[in-house]
Each structure stands twice: as structure tokens, then as C-alpha cells.
């Protein structure tokens, strides 16, 4: 799965989120199975995705999740393009 040698962390320290990247596709993210699962969660429930924990209705977690989903998609598209060459 590509995580060899890495460990999962439930919190990720770092800078505040900046502006969304130009290729961010919110409609695509909202249609993803992961985001649909997120929408079904009750307040306070947790979703683990990409070695990160997201809590429903915690400030900023929905945006963090959307960005993570977009990053995963971008990486998958990039890997697919490399395989096609």
C-alpha cells in the first residue's frame, strides 16, 4: 500500500492550511466513497484515512479530509500516467 517504513499518526502538527490548489475539484471529492462515508457519520464519530484521524464536526476536519482525498487522487493519477508511458 506504499506505507512501508512509515507509521500512522493520529494528529499531524504543521502550518495552517493555505488556499486550495488550482487543481482542487470539490465536486469530485464530494462524490468519493470516503467522503460519502464521512457524510454518514454522526457528530463526534471518527474516520481514519491516510493514517490520519478526522472527527465529524471538529473545526477544520472536513476541509482537511477533502484535501487528503484530493492529494490521494492526484497521486493516483500521476502514478497511472507514469504507468502508461
Protein backbone atom coordinates (compact mmCIF):
# COMPACT_ATOMS: atom_id res chain seq x y z
CA UNK A 1 0.00 0.00 0.00
CA UNK A 2 3.01 2.27 -0.14
CA UNK A 3 3.40 2.93 3.57
CA UNK A 4 6.39 0.67 4.21
CA UNK A 5 8.61 2.10 6.91
CA UNK A 6 6.12 4.77 7.94
CA UNK A 7 3.91 4.82 10.99
CA UNK A 8 0.47 6.34 11.26
CA UNK A 9 -0.07 9.38 13.44
CA UNK A 10 -3.47 10.41 14.70
CA UNK A 11 -2.56 14.11 14.75
CA UNK A 12 -0.35 15.93 12.34
CA UNK A 13 1.35 19.07 13.54
CA UNK A 14 2.04 21.68 10.92
CA UNK A 15 1.17 25.04 9.45
CA UNK A 16 -2.35 26.31 8.90
CA UNK A 17 -3.97 25.36 5.62
CA UNK A 18 -3.41 27.82 2.84
CA UNK A 19 -5.56 28.39 -0.21
CA UNK A 20 -6.79 25.36 -2.11
CA UNK A 21 -4.55 24.34 -5.01
CA UNK A 22 -5.69 25.34 -8.51
CA UNK A 23 -6.49 21.72 -9.47
CA UNK A 24 -8.74 21.12 -6.43
CA UNK A 25 -12.01 19.54 -7.62
CA UNK A 26 -14.57 19.79 -4.82
CA UNK A 27 -17.32 18.03 -6.79
CA UNK A 28 -15.07 15.03 -7.45
CA UNK A 29 -14.05 14.87 -3.78
CA UNK A 30 -17.67 15.05 -2.58
CA UNK A 31 -18.57 12.10 -4.85
CA UNK A 32 -15.76 9.91 -3.50
CA UNK A 33 -16.69 6.86 -1.38
CA UNK A 34 -14.57 8.15 1.51
CA UNK A 35 -16.34 11.50 1.62
CA UNK A 36 -19.75 9.82 1.37
CA UNK A 37 -18.82 7.69 4.38
CA UNK A 38 -17.80 10.92 6.18
CA UNK A 39 -21.18 12.48 5.48
CA UNK A 40 -22.95 9.50 7.10
CA UNK A 41 -21.05 9.86 10.40
CA UNK A 42 -22.74 11.33 13.46
CA UNK A 43 -21.22 14.27 15.33
CA UNK A 44 -18.10 13.18 17.22
CA UNK A 45 -17.57 9.96 15.25
CA UNK A 46 -14.11 9.33 13.82
CA UNK A 47 -12.93 8.39 10.36
CA UNK A 48 -9.40 7.15 9.78
CA UNK A 49 -8.00 7.91 6.34
CA UNK A 50 -4.42 8.11 5.05
CA UNK A 51 -3.00 7.47 8.54
CA UNK A 52 -4.92 10.46 9.88
CA UNK A 53 -7.92 10.73 12.12
CA UNK A 54 -10.82 13.02 11.28
CA UNK A 55 -13.64 13.77 13.73
CA UNK A 56 -17.04 14.77 12.41
CA UNK A 57 -17.87 18.41 13.21
CA UNK A 58 -14.42 19.22 14.63
CA UNK A 59 -13.29 22.56 13.24
CA UNK A 60 -11.33 22.15 10.03
CA UNK A 61 -11.54 18.36 9.77
CA UNK A 62 -13.89 18.30 6.79
CA UNK A 63 -11.56 20.56 4.81
CA UNK A 64 -8.52 18.51 5.91
CA UNK A 65 -10.24 15.32 4.74
CA UNK A 66 -11.20 16.86 1.40
CA UNK A 67 -7.61 17.96 0.81
CA UNK A 68 -6.30 14.48 1.74
CA UNK A 69 -8.73 12.85 -0.71
CA UNK A 70 -7.61 15.26 -3.43
CA UNK A 71 -3.94 14.58 -2.72
CA UNK A 72 -4.56 10.82 -2.97
CA UNK A 73 -6.39 11.29 -6.27
CA UNK A 74 -3.62 13.48 -7.64
CA UNK A 75 -1.01 10.89 -6.69
CA UNK A 76 -3.07 8.06 -8.21
CA UNK A 77 -3.49 9.97 -11.48
CA UNK A 78 0.24 10.75 -11.55
CA UNK A 79 1.11 7.07 -10.95
CA UNK A 80 -1.36 5.98 -13.66
CA UNK A 81 0.18 8.42 -16.15
CA UNK A 82 3.66 7.06 -15.34
CA UNK A 83 2.47 3.50 -15.95
CA UNK A 84 1.01 4.47 -19.34
CA UNK A 85 4.40 5.73 -20.57
